[in-house]
Amino acid sequence: MAGNFDDLMEFPSIYTFKIIGKDTDIFRKDVNSLKTDDRNWEQSERKSRNSKYVSFSLTTVVENSDELKLFYESISKVRDIHFYV
């Protein structure tokens, strides 16, 4: 997987993670726990029309493909997640 990122991107790179899930306290807590203290994060959120789901956009500088892979592994463990890119 890391090789694929190296072929597609230059590092360091500004990267936005889009995460969509049920609008629950658990989901919100898990998404916020992804933001590490060692870097700056920009965050925006948007609720669905019926307020059942919420999407988060988290943007930060990713230093290398291994770091990007670690973030995706962490995102895959978020509870109540519906979709992420």
C-alpha atoms as a PDB file:
ATOM      1  CA  MET A   1       0.000   0.000   0.000  1.00  0.00           C
ATOM      2  CA  ALA A   2       2.762   2.474   0.893  1.00  0.00           C
ATOM      3  CA  GLY A   3       4.334   1.999  -2.528  1.00  0.00           C
ATOM      4  CA  ASN A   4       1.093   3.038  -4.170  1.00  0.00           C
ATOM      5  CA  PHE A   5       1.035   6.317  -2.237  1.00  0.00           C
ATOM      6  CA  ASP A   6       4.658   6.988  -3.178  1.00  0.00           C
ATOM      7  CA  ASP A   7       3.786   6.505  -6.843  1.00  0.00           C
ATOM      8  CA  LEU A   8       0.788   8.837  -6.655  1.00  0.00           C
ATOM      9  CA  MET A   9       1.928  11.648  -4.354  1.00  0.00           C
ATOM     10  CA  GLU A  10       4.858  13.786  -3.367  1.00  0.00           C
ATOM     11  CA  PHE A  11       5.619  14.125   0.338  1.00  0.00           C
ATOM     12  CA  PRO A  12       5.285  16.098   2.494  1.00  0.00           C
ATOM     13  CA  SER A  13       1.797  16.899   1.286  1.00  0.00           C
ATOM     14  CA  ILE A  14      -1.317  18.656   2.562  1.00  0.00           C
ATOM     15  CA  TYR A  15      -3.939  15.924   2.791  1.00  0.00           C
ATOM     16  CA  THR A  16      -7.654  15.938   3.574  1.00  0.00           C
ATOM     17  CA  PHE A  17      -9.357  12.910   5.076  1.00  0.00           C
ATOM     18  CA  LYS A  18     -13.138  12.774   4.510  1.00  0.00           C
ATOM     19  CA  ILE A  19     -14.965  10.662   7.099  1.00  0.00           C
ATOM     20  CA  ILE A  20     -18.736  10.068   7.147  1.00  0.00           C
ATOM     21  CA  GLY A  21     -20.672   8.276   9.856  1.00  0.00           C
ATOM     22  CA  LYS A  22     -23.693   8.206  12.095  1.00  0.00           C
ATOM     23  CA  ASP A  23     -24.072  11.385  14.130  1.00  0.00           C
ATOM     24  CA  THR A  24     -23.357   9.739  17.469  1.00  0.00           C
ATOM     25  CA  ASP A  25     -21.182  10.739  20.414  1.00  0.00           C
ATOM     26  CA  ILE A  26     -19.061   7.623  19.816  1.00  0.00           C
ATOM     27  CA  PHE A  27     -18.390   8.559  16.193  1.00  0.00           C
ATOM     28  CA  ARG A  28     -17.546  12.160  17.072  1.00  0.00           C
ATOM     29  CA  LYS A  29     -15.211  11.049  19.887  1.00  0.00           C
ATOM     30  CA  ASP A  30     -13.393   8.560  17.643  1.00  0.00           C
ATOM     31  CA  VAL A  31     -12.956  11.113  14.841  1.00  0.00           C
ATOM     32  CA  ASN A  32     -11.588  13.705  17.260  1.00  0.00           C
ATOM     33  CA  SER A  33      -9.154  11.146  18.687  1.00  0.00           C
ATOM     34  CA  LEU A  34      -7.566  10.847  15.221  1.00  0.00           C
ATOM     35  CA  LYS A  35      -6.171  14.368  15.539  1.00  0.00           C
ATOM     36  CA  THR A  36      -2.726  14.039  17.079  1.00  0.00           C
ATOM     37  CA  ASP A  37      -1.216  16.845  19.129  1.00  0.00           C
ATOM     38  CA  ASP A  38       2.046  16.855  17.166  1.00  0.00           C
ATOM     39  CA  ARG A  39       0.568  18.666  14.151  1.00  0.00           C
ATOM     40  CA  ASN A  40      -1.899  21.347  13.106  1.00  0.00           C
ATOM     41  CA  TRP A  41      -5.333  20.206  11.941  1.00  0.00           C
ATOM     42  CA  GLU A  42      -8.098  22.005  10.113  1.00  0.00           C
ATOM     43  CA  GLN A  43     -11.530  20.511  10.661  1.00  0.00           C
ATOM     44  CA  SER A  44     -14.920  21.119   9.168  1.00  0.00           C
ATOM     45  CA  GLU A  45     -18.131  19.203   9.626  1.00  0.00           C
ATOM     46  CA  ARG A  46     -21.457  19.014   7.906  1.00  0.00           C
ATOM     47  CA  LYS A  47     -24.649  17.232   8.934  1.00  0.00           C
ATOM     48  CA  SER A  48     -26.877  15.394   6.491  1.00  0.00           C
ATOM     49  CA  ARG A  49     -30.304  16.821   5.677  1.00  0.00           C
ATOM     50  CA  ASN A  50     -32.007  14.528   8.159  1.00  0.00           C
ATOM     51  CA  SER A  51     -29.180  14.952  10.724  1.00  0.00           C
ATOM     52  CA  LYS A  52     -28.705  11.176  10.876  1.00  0.00           C
ATOM     53  CA  TYR A  53     -25.154  11.383   9.496  1.00  0.00           C
ATOM     54  CA  VAL A  54     -22.274  13.820   9.791  1.00  0.00           C
ATOM     55  CA  SER A  55     -19.217  14.239   7.591  1.00  0.00           C
ATOM     56  CA  PHE A  56     -15.857  15.476   8.785  1.00  0.00           C
ATOM     57  CA  SER A  57     -13.037  16.857   6.687  1.00  0.00           C
ATOM     58  CA  LEU A  58      -9.709  16.714   8.519  1.00  0.00           C
ATOM     59  CA  THR A  59      -6.757  18.406   6.818  1.00  0.00           C
ATOM     60  CA  THR A  60      -3.105  18.218   7.865  1.00  0.00           C
ATOM     61  CA  VAL A  61       0.388  17.867   6.445  1.00  0.00           C
ATOM     62  CA  VAL A  62       1.376  14.235   5.924  1.00  0.00           C
ATOM     63  CA  GLU A  63       5.144  13.700   5.921  1.00  0.00           C
ATOM     64  CA  ASN A  64       5.405  10.326   4.147  1.00  0.00           C
ATOM     65  CA  SER A  65       3.495   7.323   2.851  1.00  0.00           C
ATOM     66  CA  ASP A  66       3.953   5.342   6.073  1.00  0.00           C
ATOM     67  CA  GLU A  67       2.308   8.126   8.038  1.00  0.00           C
ATOM     68  CA  LEU A  68      -0.586   8.260   5.555  1.00  0.00           C
ATOM     69  CA  LYS A  69      -1.054   4.501   5.853  1.00  0.00           C
ATOM     70  CA  LEU A  70      -1.127   4.768   9.672  1.00  0.00           C
ATOM     71  CA  PHE A  71      -3.840   7.429   9.512  1.00  0.00           C
ATOM     72  CA  TYR A  72      -5.954   5.253   7.227  1.00  0.00           C
ATOM     73  CA  GLU A  73      -5.507   2.271   9.548  1.00  0.00           C
ATOM     74  CA  SER A  74      -6.685   4.425  12.471  1.00  0.00           C
ATOM     75  CA  ILE A  75      -9.666   5.720  10.503  1.00  0.00           C
ATOM     76  CA  SER A  76     -10.751   2.178   9.655  1.00  0.00           C
ATOM     77  CA  LYS A  77     -11.210   1.517  13.398  1.00  0.00           C
ATOM     78  CA  VAL A  78     -13.607   4.440  13.985  1.00  0.00           C
ATOM     79  CA  ARG A  79     -16.914   3.189  15.377  1.00  0.00           C
ATOM     80  CA  ASP A  80     -20.199   4.105  13.617  1.00  0.00           C
ATOM     81  CA  ILE A  81     -18.264   4.973  10.444  1.00  0.00           C
ATOM     82  CA  HIS A  82     -20.141   4.719   7.166  1.00  0.00           C
ATOM     83  CA  PHE A  83     -17.581   5.830   4.558  1.00  0.00           C
ATOM     84  CA  TYR A  84     -14.119   7.378   4.317  1.00  0.00           C
ATOM     85  CA  VAL A  85     -11.677   8.529   1.631  1.00  0.00           C
END
